[in-house]
Structures are given as C-alpha cells and as structure tokens.
Amino acid sequence: MRLLLSTNYPHIMKLLKNGKKDKVNIELWQEHSLRLGKLAVENRINKCEIFDYWNTRSNRSGGNDV
C-alpha cells in the first residue's frame, strides 16, 4: 500500500483539484494524510527524546557538553 500511495500521490492531487472525488480517491487521500500525520507525531517524539537525552547528559556533566 505504501508504494501505491507514493506513486499515486500526484494523480490523487490532480483528481481532487479537478473535483473528481470518487470513493477510492478519497480513501487513498485519507490514508495518505493519516500516514503523514503519524510521521509528524513520530518525528516530534524523536526530537523530544533527543532533546531529553542531551539535556540529561549535559546536567550529569555539569553543563559543559558541546
């Protein structure tokens, strides 16, 4: 399904802009949007974990880490 969404993305955008909103295109668009949302949340969590790691490491060493 991942390959299908990535290869059909421009096609879906064009169809939706032209007003063709059949059920399959809407479902593909919703799945693609959901995937993008999940990736954004995962990215945010990873950034927070990296920040927490460096913040904890910096506190342990007295704040002298670069």
Foldseek 3Di string as FASTA:
>chain_A
DVVVLVVCVVVLVVCVVVPNDDPVSVVSVVVVVVVVVVVVVVVVVVVVVVVVVVVVVCVVVVNPDD
